[in-house]
Amino acid sequence: MSEEAMATEEIMDGVYRALCEHGYAELTMQDIADECGKSKSLLHYHYDTKEDLLVAFLDGILADYEGRLACRADRPPAERLVEFVARFVFTPEEDDRESFHLALLEMRSQGPFNERIQDQLDRSDELLRDSVADILDAGIADGSFEPVDVDRTAALLVATLDGARTRQITLGDAQPAASYTRVVAEEALETIVDPLLVEGVDRPTLAEALER
């Protein structure tokens, strides 16, 4: 990895930590500089504004997600679908991850007023729905899923899981033994995913997917 690539990675790691610590609304370039151990002037050398840096950060997250999807493309569709559901589950020890998604929720609220941020958010939503639709298409093609309207099913699954995540990070978790996102994920598997499976096709449990 080149020095420039390493510096970019350190900056993006700093953005993540700063968002977890400060949220989006109060975030400053100095906060990011402090978290990544770089000077504020160095950040401005690479990114003119905080918006430029955040857009680059979101772009990097989406590119990384696309890469991880490509690496799993040869896995059985049922396994990939359960893994997708598992990504929306917050475990009790993941405070930083919840804080990060709360910051992203703040960004989403600003989307209608910021075209560049909105473009990245739209891309994220489209990527989630398209990734589910691709898994469903693969499962129908290989005979492991029943034929369904893949776009409508993908939209339903993403809306269900995203709604659960939003509820947990904004209202808190009243169920200490199991996070709200996990409860909803289990229900989504039973009510949306299981009816898709052709008789004789098994899927991993949510617990198995979370351990991977």
C-alpha atoms as a PDB file:
ATOM      1  CA  MET A   1       0.000   0.000   0.000  1.00  0.00           C
ATOM      2  CA  SER A   2       1.370   3.420  -0.966  1.00  0.00           C
ATOM      3  CA  GLU A   3       1.922   6.177   1.594  1.00  0.00           C
ATOM      4  CA  GLU A   4      -0.936   8.173   0.080  1.00  0.00           C
ATOM      5  CA  ALA A   5      -3.285   5.184   0.300  1.00  0.00           C
ATOM      6  CA  MET A   6      -2.253   4.587   3.913  1.00  0.00           C
ATOM      7  CA  ALA A   7      -2.866   8.244   4.752  1.00  0.00           C
ATOM      8  CA  THR A   8      -6.304   8.099   3.126  1.00  0.00           C
ATOM      9  CA  GLU A   9      -7.178   4.970   5.109  1.00  0.00           C
ATOM     10  CA  GLU A  10      -6.075   6.638   8.352  1.00  0.00           C
ATOM     11  CA  ILE A  11      -8.189   9.701   7.550  1.00  0.00           C
ATOM     12  CA  MET A  12     -11.259   7.591   6.783  1.00  0.00           C
ATOM     13  CA  ASP A  13     -10.770   5.632  10.011  1.00  0.00           C
ATOM     14  CA  GLY A  14     -10.636   8.990  11.769  1.00  0.00           C
ATOM     15  CA  VAL A  15     -13.897  10.063  10.125  1.00  0.00           C
ATOM     16  CA  TYR A  16     -15.558   6.896  11.413  1.00  0.00           C
ATOM     17  CA  ARG A  17     -14.323   7.416  14.972  1.00  0.00           C
ATOM     18  CA  ALA A  18     -15.222  11.113  14.913  1.00  0.00           C
ATOM     19  CA  LEU A  19     -18.756  10.365  13.729  1.00  0.00           C
ATOM     20  CA  CYS A  20     -19.148   7.785  16.503  1.00  0.00           C
ATOM     21  CA  GLU A  21     -17.906  10.267  19.094  1.00  0.00           C
ATOM     22  CA  HIS A  22     -19.473  13.536  17.933  1.00  0.00           C
ATOM     23  CA  GLY A  23     -22.301  12.650  15.552  1.00  0.00           C
ATOM     24  CA  TYR A  24     -22.862  14.442  12.268  1.00  0.00           C
ATOM     25  CA  ALA A  25     -24.426  17.758  13.279  1.00  0.00           C
ATOM     26  CA  GLU A  26     -21.582  18.836  15.588  1.00  0.00           C
ATOM     27  CA  LEU A  27     -18.737  17.258  13.619  1.00  0.00           C
ATOM     28  CA  THR A  28     -15.814  19.527  12.690  1.00  0.00           C
ATOM     29  CA  MET A  29     -12.681  19.053  10.627  1.00  0.00           C
ATOM     30  CA  GLN A  30     -10.700  19.486  13.853  1.00  0.00           C
ATOM     31  CA  ASP A  31     -12.584  16.562  15.416  1.00  0.00           C
ATOM     32  CA  ILE A  32     -11.598  14.386  12.460  1.00  0.00           C
ATOM     33  CA  ALA A  33      -8.001  15.613  12.577  1.00  0.00           C
ATOM     34  CA  ASP A  34      -7.797  14.751  16.274  1.00  0.00           C
ATOM     35  CA  GLU A  35      -9.170  11.249  15.703  1.00  0.00           C
ATOM     36  CA  CYS A  36      -6.836  10.374  12.820  1.00  0.00           C
ATOM     37  CA  GLY A  37      -3.735  12.048  14.247  1.00  0.00           C
ATOM     38  CA  LYS A  38      -3.363  14.411  11.298  1.00  0.00           C
ATOM     39  CA  SER A  39      -3.273  18.182  11.160  1.00  0.00           C
ATOM     40  CA  LYS A  40      -6.358  20.098  10.126  1.00  0.00           C
ATOM     41  CA  SER A  41      -4.315  21.745   7.374  1.00  0.00           C
ATOM     42  CA  LEU A  42      -3.434  18.307   5.958  1.00  0.00           C
ATOM     43  CA  LEU A  43      -7.113  17.379   5.804  1.00  0.00           C
ATOM     44  CA  HIS A  44      -7.855  20.593   3.939  1.00  0.00           C
ATOM     45  CA  TYR A  45      -4.987  19.836   1.554  1.00  0.00           C
ATOM     46  CA  HIS A  46      -6.825  16.687   0.452  1.00  0.00           C
ATOM     47  CA  TYR A  47     -10.435  17.839   0.982  1.00  0.00           C
ATOM     48  CA  ASP A  48     -11.564  21.442   0.604  1.00  0.00           C
ATOM     49  CA  THR A  49     -14.548  21.107   2.929  1.00  0.00           C
ATOM     50  CA  LYS A  50     -16.052  18.789   5.513  1.00  0.00           C
ATOM     51  CA  GLU A  51     -18.706  17.926   2.947  1.00  0.00           C
ATOM     52  CA  ASP A  52     -16.025  16.816   0.454  1.00  0.00           C
ATOM     53  CA  LEU A  53     -14.503  14.559   3.098  1.00  0.00           C
ATOM     54  CA  LEU A  54     -17.827  13.047   4.152  1.00  0.00           C
ATOM     55  CA  VAL A  55     -18.839  12.385   0.544  1.00  0.00           C
ATOM     56  CA  ALA A  56     -15.505  10.604  -0.005  1.00  0.00           C
ATOM     57  CA  PHE A  57     -16.055   8.647   3.207  1.00  0.00           C
ATOM     58  CA  LEU A  58     -19.528   7.496   2.154  1.00  0.00           C
ATOM     59  CA  ASP A  59     -18.217   6.600  -1.293  1.00  0.00           C
ATOM     60  CA  GLY A  60     -15.530   4.453   0.319  1.00  0.00           C
ATOM     61  CA  ILE A  61     -18.046   2.646   2.527  1.00  0.00           C
ATOM     62  CA  LEU A  62     -20.205   1.784  -0.465  1.00  0.00           C
ATOM     63  CA  ALA A  63     -17.220   0.637  -2.524  1.00  0.00           C
ATOM     64  CA  ASP A  64     -16.106  -1.600   0.347  1.00  0.00           C
ATOM     65  CA  TYR A  65     -19.603  -3.070   0.631  1.00  0.00           C
ATOM     66  CA  GLU A  66     -19.692  -3.784  -3.101  1.00  0.00           C
ATOM     67  CA  GLY A  67     -16.352  -5.554  -2.797  1.00  0.00           C
ATOM     68  CA  ARG A  68     -17.579  -7.751   0.051  1.00  0.00           C
ATOM     69  CA  LEU A  69     -20.684  -8.650  -1.940  1.00  0.00           C
ATOM     70  CA  ALA A  70     -18.538  -9.700  -4.884  1.00  0.00           C
ATOM     71  CA  CYS A  71     -16.432 -11.943  -2.633  1.00  0.00           C
ATOM     72  CA  ARG A  72     -19.574 -13.806  -1.487  1.00  0.00           C
ATOM     73  CA  ALA A  73     -21.181 -14.099  -4.917  1.00  0.00           C
ATOM     74  CA  ASP A  74     -20.325 -17.797  -5.245  1.00  0.00           C
ATOM     75  CA  ARG A  75     -21.988 -18.779  -1.958  1.00  0.00           C
ATOM     76  CA  PRO A  76     -25.463 -20.423  -1.882  1.00  0.00           C
ATOM     77  CA  PRO A  77     -28.234 -17.809  -2.213  1.00  0.00           C
ATOM     78  CA  ALA A  78     -29.926 -18.850   1.049  1.00  0.00           C
ATOM     79  CA  GLU A  79     -26.659 -18.364   2.937  1.00  0.00           C
ATOM     80  CA  ARG A  80     -26.064 -14.964   1.339  1.00  0.00           C
ATOM     81  CA  LEU A  81     -29.592 -13.812   2.159  1.00  0.00           C
ATOM     82  CA  VAL A  82     -29.268 -14.737   5.837  1.00  0.00           C
ATOM     83  CA  GLU A  83     -25.892 -12.961   5.961  1.00  0.00           C
ATOM     84  CA  PHE A  84     -27.540  -9.853   4.505  1.00  0.00           C
ATOM     85  CA  VAL A  85     -30.178  -9.922   7.243  1.00  0.00           C
ATOM     86  CA  ALA A  86     -27.496 -10.421   9.903  1.00  0.00           C
ATOM     87  CA  ARG A  87     -25.720  -7.200   8.879  1.00  0.00           C
ATOM     88  CA  PHE A  88     -28.630  -5.204  10.309  1.00  0.00           C
ATOM     89  CA  VAL A  89     -28.353  -6.753  13.772  1.00  0.00           C
ATOM     90  CA  PHE A  90     -26.736  -4.764  16.578  1.00  0.00           C
ATOM     91  CA  THR A  91     -25.298  -6.950  19.318  1.00  0.00           C
ATOM     92  CA  PRO A  92     -25.206  -5.568  22.903  1.00  0.00           C
ATOM     93  CA  GLU A  93     -21.456  -4.870  22.786  1.00  0.00           C
ATOM     94  CA  GLU A  94     -21.582  -2.819  19.564  1.00  0.00           C
ATOM     95  CA  ASP A  95     -22.032   0.661  21.041  1.00  0.00           C
ATOM     96  CA  ASP A  96     -19.701   2.250  18.478  1.00  0.00           C
ATOM     97  CA  ARG A  97     -21.639   0.743  15.588  1.00  0.00           C
ATOM     98  CA  GLU A  98     -24.926   2.086  16.935  1.00  0.00           C
ATOM     99  CA  SER A  99     -23.365   5.529  17.422  1.00  0.00           C
ATOM    100  CA  PHE A 100     -22.086   5.457  13.855  1.00  0.00           C
ATOM    101  CA  HIS A 101     -25.502   4.594  12.432  1.00  0.00           C
ATOM    102  CA  LEU A 102     -27.059   7.338  14.541  1.00  0.00           C
ATOM    103  CA  ALA A 103     -24.657   9.768  12.853  1.00  0.00           C
ATOM    104  CA  LEU A 104     -25.686   8.356   9.465  1.00  0.00           C
ATOM    105  CA  LEU A 105     -29.310   8.914  10.427  1.00  0.00           C
ATOM    106  CA  GLU A 106     -28.451  12.560  11.094  1.00  0.00           C
ATOM    107  CA  MET A 107     -26.970  12.710   7.597  1.00  0.00           C
ATOM    108  CA  ARG A 108     -30.136  11.230   6.138  1.00  0.00           C
ATOM    109  CA  SER A 109     -32.167  14.004   7.744  1.00  0.00           C
ATOM    110  CA  GLN A 110     -29.966  16.539   5.936  1.00  0.00           C
ATOM    111  CA  GLY A 111     -30.169  14.758   2.583  1.00  0.00           C
ATOM    112  CA  PRO A 112     -33.080  16.833   1.226  1.00  0.00           C
ATOM    113  CA  PHE A 113     -30.979  19.977   1.798  1.00  0.00           C
ATOM    114  CA  ASN A 114     -27.667  18.655   0.443  1.00  0.00           C
ATOM    115  CA  GLU A 115     -27.654  17.175  -3.041  1.00  0.00           C
ATOM    116  CA  ARG A 116     -24.231  15.522  -2.772  1.00  0.00           C
ATOM    117  CA  ILE A 117     -25.068  13.776   0.493  1.00  0.00           C
ATOM    118  CA  GLN A 118     -28.474  12.794  -0.893  1.00  0.00           C
ATOM    119  CA  ASP A 119     -26.845  11.241  -3.959  1.00  0.00           C
ATOM    120  CA  GLN A 120     -24.725   8.987  -1.733  1.00  0.00           C
ATOM    121  CA  LEU A 121     -27.729   8.051   0.406  1.00  0.00           C
ATOM    122  CA  ASP A 122     -29.772   7.222  -2.694  1.00  0.00           C
ATOM    123  CA  ARG A 123     -26.899   5.101  -3.968  1.00  0.00           C
ATOM    124  CA  SER A 124     -26.756   3.270  -0.626  1.00  0.00           C
ATOM    125  CA  ASP A 125     -30.477   2.484  -0.656  1.00  0.00           C
ATOM    126  CA  GLU A 126     -30.336   1.313  -4.254  1.00  0.00           C
ATOM    127  CA  LEU A 127     -27.312  -0.872  -3.510  1.00  0.00           C
ATOM    128  CA  LEU A 128     -29.082  -2.582  -0.606  1.00  0.00           C
ATOM    129  CA  ARG A 129     -32.221  -3.312  -2.610  1.00  0.00           C
ATOM    130  CA  ASP A 130     -30.270  -4.410  -5.679  1.00  0.00           C
ATOM    131  CA  SER A 131     -28.078  -6.756  -3.641  1.00  0.00           C
ATOM    132  CA  VAL A 132     -31.158  -8.519  -2.247  1.00  0.00           C
ATOM    133  CA  ALA A 133     -32.761  -8.649  -5.698  1.00  0.00           C
ATOM    134  CA  ASP A 134     -29.582 -10.203  -7.119  1.00  0.00           C
ATOM    135  CA  ILE A 135     -29.593 -12.871  -4.396  1.00  0.00           C
ATOM    136  CA  LEU A 136     -33.257 -13.627  -5.068  1.00  0.00           C
ATOM    137  CA  ASP A 137     -32.624 -13.867  -8.815  1.00  0.00           C
ATOM    138  CA  ALA A 138     -29.755 -16.293  -8.176  1.00  0.00           C
ATOM    139  CA  GLY A 139     -31.898 -18.431  -5.873  1.00  0.00           C
ATOM    140  CA  ILE A 140     -34.766 -18.586  -8.346  1.00  0.00           C
ATOM    141  CA  ALA A 141     -32.354 -19.463 -11.149  1.00  0.00           C
ATOM    142  CA  ASP A 142     -30.744 -22.361  -9.256  1.00  0.00           C
ATOM    143  CA  GLY A 143     -34.055 -23.688  -7.945  1.00  0.00           C
ATOM    144  CA  SER A 144     -33.536 -22.929  -4.258  1.00  0.00           C
ATOM    145  CA  PHE A 145     -36.099 -20.070  -4.095  1.00  0.00           C
ATOM    146  CA  GLU A 146     -39.706 -19.991  -5.182  1.00  0.00           C
ATOM    147  CA  PRO A 147     -40.495 -17.500  -7.976  1.00  0.00           C
ATOM    148  CA  VAL A 148     -41.389 -14.073  -6.551  1.00  0.00           C
ATOM    149  CA  ASP A 149     -41.401 -10.429  -7.566  1.00  0.00           C
ATOM    150  CA  VAL A 150     -37.765  -9.820  -6.634  1.00  0.00           C
ATOM    151  CA  ASP A 151     -37.957  -6.019  -6.569  1.00  0.00           C
ATOM    152  CA  ARG A 152     -40.990  -5.902  -4.270  1.00  0.00           C
ATOM    153  CA  THR A 153     -39.585  -8.596  -1.980  1.00  0.00           C
ATOM    154  CA  ALA A 154     -36.213  -6.840  -1.794  1.00  0.00           C
ATOM    155  CA  ALA A 155     -37.886  -3.511  -0.978  1.00  0.00           C
ATOM    156  CA  LEU A 156     -39.964  -5.144   1.777  1.00  0.00           C
ATOM    157  CA  LEU A 157     -36.979  -6.859   3.380  1.00  0.00           C
ATOM    158  CA  VAL A 158     -34.765  -3.759   3.318  1.00  0.00           C
ATOM    159  CA  ALA A 159     -37.548  -1.525   4.667  1.00  0.00           C
ATOM    160  CA  THR A 160     -38.244  -3.972   7.508  1.00  0.00           C
ATOM    161  CA  LEU A 161     -34.610  -4.266   8.569  1.00  0.00           C
ATOM    162  CA  ASP A 162     -33.777  -0.587   8.121  1.00  0.00           C
ATOM    163  CA  GLY A 163     -36.858   0.389  10.109  1.00  0.00           C
ATOM    164  CA  ALA A 164     -35.805  -1.879  12.972  1.00  0.00           C
ATOM    165  CA  ARG A 165     -32.309  -0.412  12.981  1.00  0.00           C
ATOM    166  CA  THR A 166     -33.666   3.140  13.011  1.00  0.00           C
ATOM    167  CA  ARG A 167     -36.046   2.298  15.849  1.00  0.00           C
ATOM    168  CA  GLN A 168     -33.294   0.808  17.998  1.00  0.00           C
ATOM    169  CA  ILE A 169     -30.809   3.656  17.596  1.00  0.00           C
ATOM    170  CA  THR A 170     -33.406   6.383  18.182  1.00  0.00           C
ATOM    171  CA  LEU A 171     -35.646   4.880  20.860  1.00  0.00           C
ATOM    172  CA  GLY A 172     -33.282   2.488  22.592  1.00  0.00           C
ATOM    173  CA  ASP A 173     -33.591  -1.188  23.346  1.00  0.00           C
ATOM    174  CA  ALA A 174     -36.166  -2.255  25.916  1.00  0.00           C
ATOM    175  CA  GLN A 175     -35.183  -5.912  25.611  1.00  0.00           C
ATOM    176  CA  PRO A 176     -31.790  -6.420  27.295  1.00  0.00           C
ATOM    177  CA  ALA A 177     -31.637 -10.138  26.496  1.00  0.00           C
ATOM    178  CA  ALA A 178     -31.880  -9.618  22.736  1.00  0.00           C
ATOM    179  CA  SER A 179     -31.618  -6.440  20.699  1.00  0.00           C
ATOM    180  CA  TYR A 180     -34.664  -5.182  18.843  1.00  0.00           C
ATOM    181  CA  THR A 181     -32.821  -5.542  15.548  1.00  0.00           C
ATOM    182  CA  ARG A 182     -32.204  -9.208  16.309  1.00  0.00           C
ATOM    183  CA  VAL A 183     -35.849  -9.841  17.169  1.00  0.00           C
ATOM    184  CA  VAL A 184     -36.984  -8.227  13.915  1.00  0.00           C
ATOM    185  CA  ALA A 185     -34.285 -10.049  11.932  1.00  0.00           C
ATOM    186  CA  GLU A 186     -35.520 -13.398  13.261  1.00  0.00           C
ATOM    187  CA  GLU A 187     -39.096 -12.454  12.330  1.00  0.00           C
ATOM    188  CA  ALA A 188     -37.985 -11.347   8.861  1.00  0.00           C
ATOM    189  CA  LEU A 189     -36.283 -14.698   8.304  1.00  0.00           C
ATOM    190  CA  GLU A 190     -39.401 -16.593   9.387  1.00  0.00           C
ATOM    191  CA  THR A 191     -41.990 -14.480   7.555  1.00  0.00           C
ATOM    192  CA  ILE A 192     -40.142 -13.250   4.450  1.00  0.00           C
ATOM    193  CA  VAL A 193     -37.186 -15.564   3.806  1.00  0.00           C
ATOM    194  CA  ASP A 194     -38.470 -18.995   4.864  1.00  0.00           C
ATOM    195  CA  PRO A 195     -41.520 -18.899   2.536  1.00  0.00           C
ATOM    196  CA  LEU A 196     -39.094 -18.333  -0.349  1.00  0.00           C
ATOM    197  CA  LEU A 197     -37.225 -21.586   0.239  1.00  0.00           C
ATOM    198  CA  VAL A 198     -38.066 -24.518  -1.990  1.00  0.00           C
ATOM    199  CA  GLU A 199     -38.881 -27.667  -0.022  1.00  0.00           C
ATOM    200  CA  GLY A 200     -35.686 -29.409   1.028  1.00  0.00           C
ATOM    201  CA  VAL A 201     -33.548 -26.253   0.973  1.00  0.00           C
ATOM    202  CA  ASP A 202     -32.060 -25.316   4.336  1.00  0.00           C
ATOM    203  CA  ARG A 203     -30.685 -21.974   5.443  1.00  0.00           C
ATOM    204  CA  PRO A 204     -28.191 -21.019   8.162  1.00  0.00           C
ATOM    205  CA  THR A 205     -29.589 -19.724  11.423  1.00  0.00           C
ATOM    206  CA  LEU A 206     -29.172 -16.071  12.298  1.00  0.00           C
ATOM    207  CA  ALA A 207     -26.809 -17.072  15.108  1.00  0.00           C
ATOM    208  CA  GLU A 208     -24.581 -18.919  12.634  1.00  0.00           C
ATOM    209  CA  ALA A 209     -24.504 -15.913  10.305  1.00  0.00           C
ATOM    210  CA  LEU A 210     -23.609 -13.554  13.155  1.00  0.00           C
ATOM    211  CA  GLU A 211     -20.626 -15.722  14.097  1.00  0.00           C
ATOM    212  CA  ARG A 212     -19.059 -15.415  10.629  1.00  0.00           C
END
